[in-house]
Each structure stands twice: as C-alpha cells, then as structure tokens.
Amino acid sequence: MEQPQQCLIRIQSFYPEFNETEKKIADYILTTPEKIMNQTITQVAEEVGVASSTIFRFCQRMGFTGYQKLKIALASEIAAPIRSMVQEKIQEQDNERAVTEKIFNTSIRTFQDTIQTMDFSLIKKAVNAMTAAEKVEFYGTGNSGIVALDAHHKFIGSGLSTVAYTDPYLQRRAASQLSENDIAFIISGSDAADEALEVFNAAKEAGAKTIVMTNIMRTPMNKRADIILRTISNGIESRTDDMYSRIVQMSLIDALYTNIMKARKPAGPLGKFKKLFE
C-alpha cells in the first residue's frame, strides 16, 4: 500500500475528505515538506497544534505505518523539483496573467498526478468491456453530469449504443432497467457522491457491469465496482466546481474513446473474437 513517490499526491487527493484537523496537518506538510524532514513527530504536532497521536493517525490514513515511513516517502518525493498546489491559490493581488498561469499550471500537475497513479491495466479492461457491451449508459450529477454528457457526445457514431443521464430520478429508473450485458458507467465527484451511490446500487441490483470514474479515494463503490478509474482532484482550494478534475475526467473519456475506436478497426473474424477475451 505504501508508495513513497506518491505521498504528496495522496494527501492532495484525500484533501476534500479531510476534517478540519486533518486539513491543518495536510496544509503543514504540503507547504513545508522540507522542514518536516528535520522534525520529530512531537515537533510537528506542536507546530500544527495537535497531539502526536493525531499526526500518527494521519500518517496511517495516508497508507503509511508511521511518521518515519511518511518522512521517507517525502524524502524521495522532494528530491525532484515539486511545487505544491497550495502555491497556486488565486490571490486578490493576482493580475490576469498570474491567474491564467496558475490555472494552467495546476491543470498540468493534475494531469501528471493522475498519470502517476493510474492503473493502465484497468484502462484496457474498460475498453474491452465497453466494446463487448450491448449498451453503455453514462451517469453523472452536477459537475459529473457535464462529463457524462460529453462522454455520450463522444461515442455517438462510434458503433457503441450509449446514452447519458444527469437527472437523479431518471438515473435510478434507467439503471434499474439494465441487464447483465449492459454497462453502467458512473462518473462520481465529491459534489454528488450520494446520488452516484444510489445509481450504482440500482445498476448492481439489475445485474449490470459497473465502471466507476471517481476522484474520491474512499467510497463504498470502490470495492464493489467491476472497474474503478481514479482521477486526481485538486481539493486544496475550496470550490464547488472542481474544474481540474472535470478536465482530467473528460480527457480520460477521450482516451477511452480513442482506444475503443482503435480496437474496433476491421479485423478478421478470429481477431474480433479474441479481443473480447483479452
């Protein structure tokens, strides 16, 4: 579970789910990773204003057995030039150029962080499953609804039978009518996690296969979904519309579309048959 090169990325990914105390710890680590390398757990606790045991539990939540393991992870990560997302917060004094550069730089890092944590075998699995399905239905509410509509728009004319639902009531109704030959492709973000879970449960009860694209690290869907496609969310700067996550998810849809179109190129009968089982 421990991935030293991904310590800061994991903290950034979990950030929207932290309570206020955890955010204080996260902010301290993200803004002063070099300083922590020379501090004990007691010193960090004093700086943040929490108990040492709270720091220890935070380390465990991030997937490390203790504070020393987290420090080792940080050491390997800050060896390369890393700029914290915290540094990209929009400030009142920022002019148009500064705002634009911060938006672009944060988007670039969100893409990079997602690539570093991506399991590409799951991309292949999703491509194969979608290619073989009778119908693929995209579900998303709120910010995720934009991604769902974009996905349906992309796949029109691809040869796949697709549709997108953004209304919670229609989502549940549609998901309950799926079959074991269909796929419920659920796009989930922190802004509508409960609605996504309800649709997921309805699709599961109907016997459909499920693909979940989410920027939430811990959700009940993670263990039950047939395929999980995780993206990184920039949760450091509070916003109701996580533009960075949306852009990455749309790009991942583009990647799936391109791979599926590549897989659907004319091949001999035997080649087509083999692809279903890759």
Protein backbone atom coordinates (compact mmCIF):
# COMPACT_ATOMS: atom_id res chain seq x y z
CA MET A 1 0.00 0.00 0.00
CA GLU A 2 2.86 2.35 0.69
CA GLN A 3 4.01 4.28 -2.38
CA PRO A 4 6.75 6.69 -1.27
CA GLN A 5 6.83 8.61 -4.55
CA GLN A 6 3.15 9.45 -4.17
CA CYS A 7 2.94 10.87 -0.65
CA LEU A 8 2.09 14.47 -1.56
CA ILE A 9 -0.21 13.33 -4.34
CA ARG A 10 -2.13 11.11 -1.94
CA ILE A 11 -2.55 13.97 0.53
CA GLN A 12 -3.81 16.24 -2.25
CA SER A 13 -6.22 13.53 -3.43
CA PHE A 14 -7.70 12.91 0.02
CA TYR A 15 -7.88 16.60 0.90
CA PRO A 16 -11.60 17.14 0.14
CA GLU A 17 -12.46 14.31 2.56
CA PHE A 18 -10.37 15.60 5.48
CA ASN A 19 -11.89 17.11 8.60
CA GLU A 20 -10.59 20.48 9.81
CA THR A 21 -7.82 18.95 11.94
CA GLU A 22 -6.61 16.74 9.11
CA LYS A 23 -6.60 19.74 6.76
CA LYS A 24 -4.34 21.61 9.19
CA ILE A 25 -1.87 18.71 9.14
CA ALA A 26 -2.13 18.39 5.36
CA ASP A 27 -1.54 22.10 4.83
CA TYR A 28 1.55 21.97 7.02
CA ILE A 29 3.02 19.01 5.11
CA LEU A 30 2.16 20.38 1.69
CA THR A 31 3.60 23.83 2.35
CA THR A 32 6.74 22.79 4.28
CA PRO A 33 7.76 19.25 3.23
CA GLU A 34 11.48 20.09 3.51
CA LYS A 35 11.05 21.37 7.07
CA ILE A 36 9.38 18.15 8.18
CA MET A 37 12.46 16.17 7.17
CA ASN A 38 14.27 17.67 10.19
CA GLN A 39 11.40 17.47 12.67
CA THR A 40 10.20 14.81 15.07
CA ILE A 41 6.55 13.85 15.29
CA THR A 42 6.35 15.83 18.54
CA GLN A 43 7.73 18.96 16.91
CA VAL A 44 5.25 18.70 14.03
CA ALA A 45 2.40 18.19 16.50
CA GLU A 46 3.44 21.34 18.38
CA GLU A 47 3.68 23.36 15.16
CA VAL A 48 0.23 22.26 13.99
CA GLY A 49 -1.33 22.43 17.44
CA VAL A 50 -2.50 18.83 17.73
CA ALA A 51 -1.50 15.71 19.66
CA SER A 52 1.29 13.44 18.41
CA SER A 53 -1.22 10.61 18.21
CA THR A 54 -3.27 12.69 15.75
CA ILE A 55 -0.22 13.04 13.49
CA PHE A 56 0.35 9.28 13.75
CA ARG A 57 -3.25 8.50 12.75
CA PHE A 58 -2.96 10.90 9.82
CA CYS A 59 0.12 9.02 8.60
CA GLN A 60 -1.78 5.74 8.81
CA ARG A 61 -4.71 7.16 6.88
CA MET A 62 -2.30 8.09 4.12
CA GLY A 63 -1.19 4.47 3.92
CA PHE A 64 1.98 4.59 6.00
CA THR A 65 2.74 2.53 9.09
CA GLY A 66 4.03 5.55 10.96
CA TYR A 67 5.60 9.00 10.88
CA GLN A 68 9.06 7.77 9.87
CA LYS A 69 7.65 5.99 6.82
CA LEU A 70 5.92 9.19 5.76
CA LYS A 71 9.22 11.09 6.11
CA ILE A 72 10.97 8.52 3.91
CA ALA A 73 8.23 8.99 1.31
CA LEU A 74 8.64 12.76 1.45
CA ALA A 75 12.42 12.47 1.09
CA SER A 76 12.08 10.61 -2.21
CA GLU A 77 9.41 12.95 -3.46
CA ILE A 78 11.03 16.30 -2.69
CA ALA A 79 14.30 15.13 -4.21
CA ALA A 80 12.72 16.20 -7.51
CA PRO A 81 11.51 19.77 -8.05
CA ILE A 82 7.91 19.78 -6.79
CA ARG A 83 5.70 22.81 -6.42
CA SER A 84 2.83 22.41 -4.04
CA MET A 85 -0.67 23.07 -5.29
CA VAL A 86 -1.08 25.34 -2.30
CA GLN A 87 1.26 27.78 -4.03
CA GLU A 88 -1.21 28.04 -6.90
CA LYS A 89 -4.07 29.53 -4.88
CA ILE A 90 -5.57 32.57 -6.53
CA GLN A 91 -4.73 35.71 -4.56
CA GLU A 92 -6.52 39.07 -4.54
CA GLN A 93 -3.45 40.83 -5.92
CA ASP A 94 -3.04 38.44 -8.87
CA ASN A 95 -3.35 40.02 -12.30
CA GLU A 96 -4.79 38.32 -15.40
CA ARG A 97 -1.51 36.68 -16.33
CA ALA A 98 -0.92 35.31 -12.82
CA VAL A 99 -4.44 33.86 -12.62
CA THR A 100 -4.12 32.26 -16.06
CA GLU A 101 -0.71 30.77 -15.32
CA LYS A 102 -1.90 29.32 -12.00
CA ILE A 103 -4.94 27.74 -13.64
CA PHE A 104 -2.83 26.21 -16.41
CA ASN A 105 -0.05 25.04 -14.08
CA THR A 106 -2.48 23.39 -11.68
CA SER A 107 -4.25 21.66 -14.58
CA ILE A 108 -0.92 20.35 -15.86
CA ARG A 109 0.02 18.97 -12.44
CA THR A 110 -3.40 17.37 -12.03
CA PHE A 111 -2.83 15.52 -15.31
CA GLN A 112 0.66 14.49 -14.21
CA ASP A 113 -0.51 13.28 -10.82
CA THR A 114 -3.33 11.26 -12.37
CA ILE A 115 -0.93 9.60 -14.81
CA GLN A 116 1.42 8.67 -11.95
CA THR A 117 -1.34 6.92 -10.01
CA MET A 118 -3.19 5.37 -12.97
CA ASP A 119 -3.52 1.59 -13.39
CA PHE A 120 -3.35 1.19 -17.15
CA SER A 121 -4.48 -2.44 -16.99
CA LEU A 122 -7.85 -1.09 -15.88
CA ILE A 123 -7.96 1.15 -18.96
CA LYS A 124 -7.57 -1.94 -21.13
CA LYS A 125 -10.18 -3.79 -19.10
CA ALA A 126 -12.64 -0.90 -19.52
CA VAL A 127 -12.02 -0.75 -23.27
CA ASN A 128 -12.67 -4.47 -23.66
CA ALA A 129 -15.80 -4.39 -21.51
CA MET A 130 -17.30 -1.37 -23.31
CA THR A 131 -16.51 -2.83 -26.72
CA ALA A 132 -18.30 -6.08 -25.85
CA ALA A 133 -21.33 -4.48 -24.13
CA GLU A 134 -24.76 -4.25 -25.73
CA LYS A 135 -25.30 -0.81 -24.20
CA VAL A 136 -23.23 1.68 -22.18
CA GLU A 137 -25.08 4.23 -20.09
CA PHE A 138 -23.21 7.21 -18.62
CA TYR A 139 -24.43 8.62 -15.30
CA GLY A 140 -23.33 11.85 -13.67
CA THR A 141 -24.91 14.53 -11.50
CA GLY A 142 -23.86 18.15 -11.12
CA ASN A 143 -20.26 18.66 -12.21
CA SER A 144 -20.03 14.98 -13.17
CA GLY A 145 -23.11 15.36 -15.35
CA ILE A 146 -21.11 17.55 -17.73
CA VAL A 147 -18.61 14.72 -18.13
CA ALA A 148 -21.39 12.17 -18.71
CA LEU A 149 -22.95 14.30 -21.46
CA ASP A 150 -19.53 14.82 -23.04
CA ALA A 151 -18.92 11.05 -22.98
CA HIS A 152 -22.21 10.34 -24.77
CA HIS A 153 -21.43 13.05 -27.31
CA LYS A 154 -18.01 11.50 -27.95
CA PHE A 155 -19.35 8.00 -28.52
CA ILE A 156 -22.16 8.94 -30.92
CA GLY A 157 -21.18 7.31 -34.20
CA SER A 158 -18.63 5.02 -32.55
CA GLY A 159 -20.73 1.91 -33.03
CA LEU A 160 -21.47 1.66 -29.32
CA SER A 161 -25.02 2.15 -28.09
CA THR A 162 -24.75 4.89 -25.47
CA VAL A 163 -26.91 7.34 -23.56
CA ALA A 164 -26.28 9.84 -20.75
CA TYR A 165 -28.45 10.64 -17.73
CA THR A 166 -27.90 13.61 -15.42
CA ASP A 167 -31.21 13.75 -13.53
CA PRO A 168 -31.04 11.65 -10.29
CA TYR A 169 -34.59 10.30 -10.68
CA LEU A 170 -34.11 9.28 -14.32
CA GLN A 171 -30.73 7.80 -13.44
CA ARG A 172 -32.21 5.42 -10.89
CA ARG A 173 -35.06 4.45 -13.21
CA ALA A 174 -32.73 3.81 -16.13
CA ALA A 175 -30.15 1.90 -14.07
CA SER A 176 -32.83 -0.43 -12.72
CA GLN A 177 -33.66 -1.47 -16.31
CA LEU A 178 -30.15 -2.54 -17.27
CA SER A 179 -29.20 -6.14 -17.98
CA GLU A 180 -26.13 -8.26 -17.42
CA ASN A 181 -25.00 -7.40 -20.95
CA ASP A 182 -25.02 -3.67 -20.24
CA ILE A 183 -22.56 -1.32 -18.53
CA ALA A 184 -23.40 1.45 -16.08
CA PHE A 185 -20.57 3.97 -16.40
CA ILE A 186 -20.84 6.11 -13.28
CA ILE A 187 -18.90 9.37 -13.04
CA SER A 188 -18.62 10.49 -9.43
CA GLY A 189 -17.27 13.53 -7.63
CA SER A 190 -17.49 14.92 -4.14
CA ASP A 191 -20.37 17.20 -5.14
CA ALA A 192 -22.84 14.35 -5.75
CA ALA A 193 -21.42 11.25 -4.10
CA ASP A 194 -24.73 10.11 -2.58
CA GLU A 195 -26.58 10.28 -5.90
CA ALA A 196 -23.81 8.28 -7.60
CA LEU A 197 -24.01 5.57 -4.95
CA GLU A 198 -27.79 5.24 -5.39
CA VAL A 199 -27.39 4.78 -9.15
CA PHE A 200 -24.56 2.32 -8.59
CA ASN A 201 -26.70 0.21 -6.26
CA ALA A 202 -29.59 0.21 -8.73
CA ALA A 203 -27.29 -0.94 -11.55
CA LYS A 204 -25.80 -3.65 -9.36
CA GLU A 205 -29.23 -4.96 -8.39
CA ALA A 206 -30.15 -5.11 -12.07
CA GLY A 207 -27.07 -7.26 -12.74
CA ALA A 208 -25.24 -4.78 -14.95
CA LYS A 209 -21.48 -4.43 -15.06
CA THR A 210 -20.21 -1.23 -13.48
CA ILE A 211 -17.39 1.14 -14.36
CA VAL A 212 -16.81 3.96 -11.88
CA MET A 213 -14.73 7.03 -12.70
CA THR A 214 -14.12 8.96 -9.50
CA ASN A 215 -11.83 11.43 -7.78
CA ILE A 216 -12.96 10.18 -4.36
CA MET A 217 -10.37 7.90 -2.79
CA ARG A 218 -12.74 6.26 -0.33
CA THR A 219 -16.23 5.36 -1.47
CA PRO A 220 -18.38 2.21 -0.99
CA MET A 221 -18.31 1.79 -4.77
CA ASN A 222 -14.56 1.18 -4.87
CA LYS A 223 -14.73 -2.37 -3.53
CA ARG A 224 -17.85 -3.41 -5.44
CA ALA A 225 -17.35 -1.89 -8.87
CA ASP A 226 -16.14 -4.12 -11.67
CA ILE A 227 -13.70 -1.44 -12.82
CA ILE A 228 -12.50 1.68 -10.96
CA LEU A 229 -10.88 4.52 -12.92
CA ARG A 230 -9.41 7.00 -10.44
CA THR A 231 -8.53 10.59 -11.23
CA ILE A 232 -6.81 13.13 -9.04
CA SER A 233 -8.76 16.04 -7.65
CA ASN A 234 -7.24 19.37 -6.73
CA GLY A 235 -9.04 19.91 -3.45
CA ILE A 236 -6.64 22.34 -1.85
CA GLU A 237 -8.50 25.44 -2.90
CA SER A 238 -12.16 25.10 -1.93
CA ARG A 239 -14.52 25.38 -4.86
CA THR A 240 -17.93 23.93 -5.69
CA ASP A 241 -16.89 23.31 -9.29
CA ASP A 242 -13.68 21.28 -9.41
CA MET A 243 -12.59 22.38 -12.87
CA TYR A 244 -9.33 20.48 -12.74
CA SER A 245 -10.95 17.14 -12.01
CA ARG A 246 -13.54 17.69 -14.74
CA ILE A 247 -10.87 18.41 -17.35
CA VAL A 248 -8.92 15.26 -16.43
CA GLN A 249 -12.05 13.10 -16.49
CA MET A 250 -13.04 14.43 -19.91
CA SER A 251 -9.54 13.64 -21.17
CA LEU A 252 -9.81 10.13 -19.77
CA ILE A 253 -13.08 9.74 -21.70
CA ASP A 254 -11.17 10.88 -24.80
CA ALA A 255 -8.54 8.22 -24.12
CA LEU A 256 -11.19 5.51 -23.74
CA TYR A 257 -12.90 6.65 -26.96
CA THR A 258 -9.65 6.61 -28.94
CA ASN A 259 -8.67 3.19 -27.61
CA ILE A 260 -12.12 1.78 -28.36
CA MET A 261 -12.10 3.14 -31.90
CA LYS A 262 -8.66 1.61 -32.36
CA ALA A 263 -9.90 -1.73 -31.01
CA ARG A 264 -12.95 -1.65 -33.32
CA LYS A 265 -10.90 -1.31 -36.52
CA PRO A 266 -11.83 -4.03 -39.03
CA ALA A 267 -10.19 -7.35 -38.26
CA GLY A 268 -10.70 -10.92 -39.26
CA PRO A 269 -13.47 -12.92 -37.51
CA LEU A 270 -10.93 -14.70 -35.31
CA GLY A 271 -9.29 -11.39 -34.34
CA LYS A 272 -12.64 -9.90 -33.30
CA PHE A 273 -13.45 -12.95 -31.22
CA LYS A 274 -10.10 -12.90 -29.42
CA LYS A 275 -10.44 -9.23 -28.46
CA LEU A 276 -13.44 -10.00 -26.26
CA PHE A 277 -11.26 -12.15 -24.03
CA GLU A 278 -8.10 -10.06 -23.83
